[in-house]
Amino acid sequence: MSRNQSFASLSASLAVTLLAIGFAADATADPLPGRDQLKFAQEPMIFTTIQDPNGTVGVYHGHDELSTLYSSSLPGAPNTDYSGTAMADDFADKFSTPVLHVRWWGSYLHNITNPSKPIDKFLIAFESDVPASQNPLGPFSTPGAVLNAQIVDRGTLSLGSGTFTEKLVQSFPAPNEDIYEYNAELHLGKEFFQQPDTVYWLKIAALVDVDLNDPVPPVQWGWHNRDYTVMSAQGAAVTPPVAPGERDERIELGLLNYPTPVWHFQDDSVSANTRIGFDASMPSMPTFVQQSNYVPQFYKDGLDGPGPIVAADGTVLAPGIGSFSKDLAFHLYTLTIPEPSSCLLMVMGLAGLITRRRKALCS
């Protein structure tokens, strides 16, 4: 091999090595390296401490809303039709970059730990927004048209794999369910391309294949709620110019004597009667998503925060958390954009190594 060939080979090798070094620290992370730029985040409620006006300190872990669809196909036929209850929550951000990866939190209801038949697939759907002012169903907003819907299956994550992982992040005794964290890569070519400063809805529901001959009832899965004491990642200085956006709902409702801020994004999360279907030849891409009977969701006293605080004389010192609209816990991720300083350091390091190697070859 000539010196020029050796130098070219070394240059290519060093470039690959440096790139590998840059991503090695996150090689096992969720989301995957290269697509872990956070677009929107509502954190899960786990071990949230709240002191009420009486000085009592409570620890709250939140609760989960049923979001599970069950197969309704005839025995012996492919499961291509599911129906049940599905939850959805709204979001918006300031970026036009696509959603590539979704993280969320949830539980097996009734605290079924390590179920014999865990969830093997989820529906993930992105939908348009029907504002409360235009909604014939009532004074609340709901999902509109389905813009992107897909099924992700349990499996190892890889770029664009259309798979999800599940890991236990906290165990609790009843009535609080064990909390699991889920990470899903959207299918390659099925990324969700969005417009900035635009409200959309995210729907996540577990899909369960019902075996009529199995005496064990099928599992129920629920989506965990947000920690409302923490502003969303789109709060503060980068709140999207949508109304009402991220705000402390105590101010809006005139309930400022609740003991903590109740950060809330846009409108209530909603449940809906939902039915989906797809062609057996393309089981990851639903052919339709039908929804009806939207119901706005609220937090629950005692599970998500203190209930009403009442003095001995009957005076209400503070409302209960059940007076406030509920948000759900999820993160949305897109392509990682390396910081300029990181790129410069990488280039400088590569140049230095190549220069030293060239001197060694020429000596």
Protein backbone atom coordinates (compact mmCIF):
# COMPACT_ATOMS: atom_id res chain seq x y z
CA MET A 1 0.00 0.00 0.00
CA SER A 2 1.35 3.46 -0.91
CA ARG A 3 1.68 6.30 1.54
CA ASN A 4 -1.20 8.16 -0.14
CA GLN A 5 -3.38 5.07 0.12
CA SER A 6 -2.39 4.63 3.75
CA PHE A 7 -3.23 8.27 4.46
CA ALA A 8 -6.62 8.05 2.74
CA SER A 9 -7.44 4.86 4.62
CA LEU A 10 -6.39 6.40 7.90
CA SER A 11 -8.46 9.53 7.28
CA ALA A 12 -11.59 7.51 6.66
CA SER A 13 -10.90 5.34 9.69
CA LEU A 14 -10.38 8.32 11.96
CA ALA A 15 -13.57 9.98 10.76
CA VAL A 16 -15.57 6.87 11.57
CA THR A 17 -13.83 6.54 14.93
CA LEU A 18 -14.54 10.11 15.94
CA LEU A 19 -18.16 9.84 14.97
CA ALA A 20 -18.38 6.64 16.99
CA ILE A 21 -16.81 8.37 19.99
CA GLY A 22 -19.31 11.19 19.64
CA PHE A 23 -22.26 8.82 19.89
CA ALA A 24 -20.82 6.05 22.09
CA ALA A 25 -22.10 7.55 25.32
CA ASP A 26 -25.69 7.30 24.08
CA ALA A 27 -25.43 4.01 22.18
CA THR A 28 -27.86 2.29 24.52
CA ALA A 29 -30.05 5.30 25.23
CA ASP A 30 -33.71 5.83 24.52
CA PRO A 31 -34.23 7.60 22.18
CA LEU A 32 -31.53 6.35 19.83
CA PRO A 33 -28.49 8.52 19.06
CA GLY A 34 -29.12 11.01 16.30
CA ARG A 35 -32.83 11.44 16.99
CA ASP A 36 -32.92 12.54 20.61
CA GLN A 37 -33.69 16.24 20.10
CA LEU A 38 -36.66 16.91 22.40
CA LYS A 39 -39.59 18.70 20.75
CA PHE A 40 -42.26 18.55 23.44
CA ALA A 41 -42.41 17.06 26.93
CA GLN A 42 -44.90 16.58 29.74
CA GLU A 43 -43.20 14.72 32.59
CA PRO A 44 -44.84 11.78 34.42
CA MET A 45 -46.15 12.16 37.96
CA ILE A 46 -43.99 9.93 40.15
CA PHE A 47 -43.23 10.75 43.80
CA THR A 48 -44.55 14.31 43.56
CA THR A 49 -44.58 15.97 47.00
CA ILE A 50 -47.28 18.54 47.80
CA GLN A 51 -47.92 20.32 51.11
CA ASP A 52 -51.52 21.43 51.65
CA PRO A 53 -52.57 24.62 53.53
CA ASN A 54 -52.93 22.61 56.76
CA GLY A 55 -49.23 21.70 56.56
CA THR A 56 -49.87 18.07 55.66
CA VAL A 57 -47.33 16.72 53.18
CA GLY A 58 -48.55 14.17 50.68
CA VAL A 59 -46.71 12.12 48.08
CA TYR A 60 -48.61 11.52 44.85
CA HIS A 61 -47.91 9.11 42.02
CA GLY A 62 -50.74 9.95 39.64
CA HIS A 63 -53.06 7.47 37.98
CA ASP A 64 -53.77 6.04 34.56
CA GLU A 65 -56.70 6.38 32.18
CA LEU A 66 -57.87 3.29 30.28
CA SER A 67 -56.56 3.34 26.71
CA THR A 68 -56.95 -0.18 25.31
CA LEU A 69 -58.51 -1.57 22.13
CA TYR A 70 -59.51 -5.24 21.84
CA SER A 71 -59.69 -7.45 18.77
CA SER A 72 -63.21 -8.04 17.53
CA SER A 73 -62.49 -10.34 14.59
CA LEU A 74 -64.26 -13.68 14.21
CA PRO A 75 -62.46 -16.74 15.68
CA GLY A 76 -59.91 -18.10 13.22
CA ALA A 77 -59.78 -14.89 11.19
CA PRO A 78 -56.83 -12.46 11.22
CA ASN A 79 -57.17 -9.77 13.90
CA THR A 80 -57.74 -6.74 11.69
CA ASP A 81 -60.35 -4.91 13.75
CA TYR A 82 -60.01 -3.47 17.27
CA SER A 83 -62.36 -1.39 19.40
CA GLY A 84 -62.48 0.05 22.90
CA THR A 85 -61.49 3.26 24.69
CA ALA A 86 -58.52 5.38 23.62
CA MET A 87 -56.95 8.44 25.22
CA ALA A 88 -55.52 11.48 23.41
CA ASP A 89 -53.77 14.69 24.48
CA ASP A 90 -52.87 17.84 22.56
CA PHE A 91 -49.46 19.38 21.90
CA ALA A 92 -47.68 22.02 19.83
CA ASP A 93 -44.11 23.18 19.41
CA LYS A 94 -42.10 25.73 17.48
CA PHE A 95 -40.37 23.28 15.14
CA SER A 96 -41.14 21.99 11.66
CA THR A 97 -38.91 18.94 12.19
CA PRO A 98 -40.71 15.57 12.09
CA VAL A 99 -41.58 13.42 15.09
CA LEU A 100 -39.40 10.30 14.86
CA HIS A 101 -39.56 8.86 18.36
CA VAL A 102 -42.23 8.85 21.09
CA ARG A 103 -41.79 8.20 24.81
CA TRP A 104 -44.71 7.77 27.17
CA TRP A 105 -45.65 6.25 30.53
CA GLY A 106 -48.44 3.90 31.56
CA SER A 107 -49.56 0.93 33.63
CA TYR A 108 -51.40 -2.33 33.60
CA LEU A 109 -54.58 -1.42 35.42
CA HIS A 110 -55.43 -3.07 38.74
CA ASN A 111 -51.67 -3.35 39.29
CA ILE A 112 -51.08 -6.52 37.30
CA THR A 113 -47.31 -6.90 37.69
CA ASN A 114 -45.50 -8.74 34.87
CA PRO A 115 -48.73 -9.95 33.23
CA SER A 116 -48.61 -13.34 31.55
CA LYS A 117 -49.69 -11.68 28.32
CA PRO A 118 -48.13 -8.20 28.24
CA ILE A 119 -48.95 -5.61 25.60
CA ASP A 120 -47.29 -6.51 22.29
CA LYS A 121 -48.48 -3.62 20.12
CA PHE A 122 -49.68 -0.05 20.37
CA LEU A 123 -51.60 2.32 18.15
CA ILE A 124 -49.84 5.68 17.77
CA ALA A 125 -51.84 8.31 15.90
CA PHE A 126 -51.36 12.03 15.25
CA GLU A 127 -54.50 14.05 14.61
CA SER A 128 -55.54 17.59 13.78
CA ASP A 129 -57.25 19.85 16.32
CA VAL A 130 -60.90 20.90 16.52
CA PRO A 131 -60.82 24.02 18.75
CA ALA A 132 -63.43 24.43 21.48
CA SER A 133 -64.87 27.46 19.65
CA GLN A 134 -65.61 25.29 16.60
CA ASN A 135 -66.61 22.08 18.35
CA PRO A 136 -70.30 21.10 18.03
CA LEU A 137 -69.81 18.46 20.74
CA GLY A 138 -69.30 20.94 23.56
CA PRO A 139 -67.07 23.69 24.97
CA PHE A 140 -63.85 21.68 24.69
CA SER A 141 -61.42 20.80 21.92
CA THR A 142 -61.06 17.32 20.45
CA PRO A 143 -58.99 15.46 17.87
CA GLY A 144 -60.06 16.01 14.28
CA ALA A 145 -58.77 14.29 11.16
CA VAL A 146 -56.30 11.43 11.53
CA LEU A 147 -53.07 12.65 9.91
CA ASN A 148 -50.76 9.74 10.70
CA ALA A 149 -51.61 6.36 12.26
CA GLN A 150 -49.44 3.29 12.73
CA ILE A 151 -48.98 0.19 14.86
CA VAL A 152 -45.68 -0.33 16.69
CA ASP A 153 -44.71 -3.82 17.87
CA ARG A 154 -42.67 -4.92 20.88
CA GLY A 155 -39.04 -5.40 19.86
CA THR A 156 -35.52 -4.01 19.81
CA LEU A 157 -35.27 -0.39 18.73
CA SER A 158 -33.44 0.60 15.58
CA LEU A 159 -33.78 3.65 13.36
CA GLY A 160 -37.26 3.67 11.82
CA SER A 161 -37.98 0.16 13.14
CA GLY A 162 -41.62 0.66 14.11
CA THR A 163 -40.95 -1.09 17.43
CA PHE A 164 -41.30 -0.21 21.11
CA THR A 165 -39.66 -1.17 24.39
CA GLU A 166 -41.19 -1.42 27.86
CA LYS A 167 -39.37 -1.10 31.17
CA LEU A 168 -40.60 -0.92 34.75
CA VAL A 169 -39.56 2.41 36.28
CA GLN A 170 -41.43 2.34 39.59
CA SER A 171 -43.32 -0.25 41.63
CA PHE A 172 -46.19 0.81 43.86
CA PRO A 173 -48.65 -1.03 46.10
CA ALA A 174 -52.34 -0.85 45.18
CA PRO A 175 -54.26 1.30 44.42
CA ASN A 176 -51.39 2.89 42.50
CA GLU A 177 -50.24 0.77 39.56
CA ASP A 178 -46.65 -0.09 38.68
CA ILE A 179 -45.42 2.53 36.22
CA TYR A 180 -43.75 1.54 32.96
CA GLU A 181 -41.82 3.70 30.51
CA TYR A 182 -42.29 3.08 26.78
CA ASN A 183 -40.07 4.15 23.89
CA ALA A 184 -41.13 3.73 20.27
CA GLU A 185 -39.45 4.35 16.95
CA LEU A 186 -41.96 5.34 14.29
CA HIS A 187 -41.88 3.34 11.06
CA LEU A 188 -39.40 4.48 8.42
CA GLY A 189 -41.34 6.63 5.96
CA LYS A 190 -44.16 7.13 8.50
CA GLU A 191 -42.62 9.98 10.49
CA PHE A 192 -45.08 12.69 11.49
CA PHE A 193 -44.32 15.94 9.67
CA GLN A 194 -45.89 18.89 11.46
CA GLN A 195 -46.18 22.63 11.17
CA PRO A 196 -44.71 24.87 13.89
CA ASP A 197 -47.02 26.69 16.30
CA THR A 198 -49.89 24.36 15.38
CA VAL A 199 -51.98 22.29 17.77
CA TYR A 200 -52.11 18.54 17.15
CA TRP A 201 -53.32 15.53 19.14
CA LEU A 202 -51.38 12.41 20.07
CA LYS A 203 -53.37 9.22 20.58
CA ILE A 204 -51.77 6.12 22.15
CA ALA A 205 -53.70 2.92 22.83
CA ALA A 206 -52.67 -0.64 23.61
CA LEU A 207 -53.94 -3.33 21.22
CA VAL A 208 -54.95 -6.65 22.79
CA ASP A 209 -55.78 -9.82 20.86
CA VAL A 210 -58.67 -11.52 22.64
CA ASP A 211 -58.61 -15.30 22.94
CA LEU A 212 -62.19 -16.44 23.57
CA ASN A 213 -60.93 -19.79 24.90
CA ASP A 214 -58.60 -18.28 27.50
CA PRO A 215 -60.19 -18.15 30.98
CA VAL A 216 -57.81 -15.35 32.03
CA PRO A 217 -59.38 -11.94 31.30
CA PRO A 218 -57.39 -9.81 28.86
CA VAL A 219 -55.25 -7.06 30.35
CA GLN A 220 -56.24 -3.43 30.57
CA TRP A 221 -53.65 -0.75 29.96
CA GLY A 222 -53.77 2.91 30.95
CA TRP A 223 -51.85 6.07 30.05
CA HIS A 224 -50.21 7.85 33.00
CA ASN A 225 -50.79 11.51 33.80
CA ARG A 226 -48.47 14.45 33.69
CA ASP A 227 -46.75 15.99 36.72
CA TYR A 228 -48.59 19.32 36.66
CA THR A 229 -46.19 20.92 39.13
CA VAL A 230 -43.53 21.04 36.38
CA MET A 231 -43.86 23.23 33.30
CA SER A 232 -43.80 21.43 29.96
CA ALA A 233 -40.68 21.66 27.81
CA GLN A 234 -42.56 24.16 25.68
CA GLY A 235 -43.31 26.40 28.63
CA ALA A 236 -41.71 29.68 29.70
CA ALA A 237 -39.94 31.65 26.97
CA VAL A 238 -40.70 29.22 24.13
CA THR A 239 -44.44 28.76 24.65
CA PRO A 240 -46.02 28.42 21.19
CA PRO A 241 -48.29 31.33 20.28
CA VAL A 242 -51.44 29.21 20.51
CA ALA A 243 -54.34 29.97 22.78
CA PRO A 244 -54.60 29.16 25.60
CA GLY A 245 -51.25 27.30 25.41
CA GLU A 246 -49.26 26.42 28.52
CA ARG A 247 -50.43 28.23 31.64
CA ASP A 248 -51.13 27.84 35.35
CA GLU A 249 -54.79 26.75 35.29
CA ARG A 250 -55.34 28.08 38.81
CA ILE A 251 -55.31 31.60 37.37
CA GLU A 252 -57.77 30.74 34.62
CA LEU A 253 -60.22 29.09 37.06
CA GLY A 254 -59.70 31.56 39.89
CA LEU A 255 -58.49 28.81 42.24
CA LEU A 256 -55.21 30.34 43.37
CA ASN A 257 -55.44 28.80 46.84
CA TYR A 258 -54.54 25.35 45.47
CA PRO A 259 -51.11 24.70 47.07
CA THR A 260 -49.02 24.32 43.87
CA PRO A 261 -49.11 25.60 40.29
CA VAL A 262 -51.25 23.44 38.01
CA TRP A 263 -49.45 23.73 34.69
CA HIS A 264 -51.72 22.76 31.83
CA PHE A 265 -51.18 22.75 28.08
CA GLN A 266 -53.97 23.85 25.75
CA ASP A 267 -57.09 21.80 26.59
CA ASP A 268 -58.22 18.69 28.49
CA SER A 269 -57.00 15.26 27.46
CA VAL A 270 -59.97 13.27 26.17
CA SER A 271 -61.16 9.69 25.99
CA ALA A 272 -63.18 8.38 23.06
CA ASN A 273 -64.90 5.25 21.87
CA THR A 274 -62.45 4.13 19.19
CA ARG A 275 -62.40 1.52 16.46
CA ILE A 276 -59.55 0.83 14.06
CA GLY A 277 -59.05 -1.60 11.21
CA PHE A 278 -56.34 -2.54 8.76
CA ASP A 279 -55.56 -4.89 5.91
CA ALA A 280 -54.01 -8.19 7.03
CA SER A 281 -51.28 -7.73 4.42
CA MET A 282 -50.20 -4.41 6.05
CA PRO A 283 -50.74 -4.92 9.80
CA SER A 284 -48.72 -1.88 10.82
CA MET A 285 -50.78 0.71 8.93
CA PRO A 286 -54.45 1.15 9.95
CA THR A 287 -56.86 1.72 7.08
CA PHE A 288 -59.28 3.64 9.29
CA VAL A 289 -59.61 5.14 12.77
CA GLN A 290 -63.17 5.90 13.93
CA GLN A 291 -63.85 7.91 17.10
CA SER A 292 -66.94 9.07 18.98
CA ASN A 293 -68.23 10.10 22.41
CA TYR A 294 -65.33 12.33 23.46
CA VAL A 295 -65.10 12.88 27.22
CA PRO A 296 -62.74 15.49 28.78
CA GLN A 297 -60.61 14.12 31.62
CA PHE A 298 -59.80 15.60 35.05
CA TYR A 299 -57.32 14.75 37.78
CA LYS A 300 -58.50 12.64 40.74
CA ASP A 301 -58.49 13.82 44.34
CA GLY A 302 -56.15 11.78 46.51
CA LEU A 303 -54.30 10.12 43.62
CA ASP A 304 -53.00 13.13 41.66
CA GLY A 305 -52.97 15.63 44.51
CA PRO A 306 -54.85 16.60 47.67
CA GLY A 307 -58.62 16.74 47.70
CA PRO A 308 -60.51 19.82 48.94
CA ILE A 309 -59.02 21.21 52.16
CA VAL A 310 -61.79 22.19 54.59
CA ALA A 311 -61.33 23.99 57.91
CA ALA A 312 -63.11 22.91 61.09
CA ASP A 313 -65.76 25.57 60.53
CA GLY A 314 -66.47 24.29 57.04
CA THR A 315 -64.48 26.95 55.21
CA VAL A 316 -62.85 25.60 52.05
CA LEU A 317 -59.17 26.44 52.34
CA ALA A 318 -58.21 25.02 48.93
CA PRO A 319 -59.91 23.19 46.08
CA GLY A 320 -59.03 19.60 45.27
CA ILE A 321 -56.94 18.66 42.25
CA GLY A 322 -60.13 17.10 40.84
CA SER A 323 -61.19 20.62 39.82
CA PHE A 324 -58.45 20.78 37.17
CA SER A 325 -58.08 19.46 33.62
CA LYS A 326 -55.83 16.47 33.10
CA ASP A 327 -52.75 16.23 30.85
CA LEU A 328 -50.92 13.00 29.98
CA ALA A 329 -47.20 12.16 30.22
CA PHE A 330 -45.24 11.91 26.96
CA HIS A 331 -42.15 13.15 25.09
CA LEU A 332 -41.73 13.74 21.35
CA TYR A 333 -38.30 13.61 19.69
CA THR A 334 -36.79 14.54 16.33
CA LEU A 335 -33.39 14.56 14.60
CA THR A 336 -30.50 15.68 16.76
CA ILE A 337 -28.78 18.86 15.57
CA PRO A 338 -25.16 18.82 16.81
CA GLU A 339 -24.02 22.01 18.51
CA PRO A 340 -21.55 24.03 16.41
CA SER A 341 -18.94 23.78 19.15
CA SER A 342 -19.20 19.98 19.15
CA CYS A 343 -18.79 19.84 15.38
CA LEU A 344 -15.76 22.16 15.57
CA LEU A 345 -14.07 20.05 18.24
CA MET A 346 -14.64 16.93 16.19
CA VAL A 347 -13.14 18.51 13.07
CA MET A 348 -10.15 19.89 15.00
CA GLY A 349 -9.50 16.52 16.59
CA LEU A 350 -9.69 14.78 13.24
CA ALA A 351 -7.33 17.31 11.65
CA GLY A 352 -4.80 16.96 14.45
CA LEU A 353 -4.72 13.17 14.28
CA ILE A 354 -4.38 13.21 10.50
CA THR A 355 -1.55 15.76 10.66
CA ARG A 356 0.40 13.69 13.18
CA ARG A 357 -0.09 10.53 11.13
CA ARG A 358 1.01 12.28 7.92
CA LYS A 359 4.26 13.41 9.59
CA ALA A 360 4.90 9.85 10.75
CA LEU A 361 4.39 8.45 7.24
CA CYS A 362 6.66 11.06 5.65
CA SER A 363 9.53 10.71 8.12
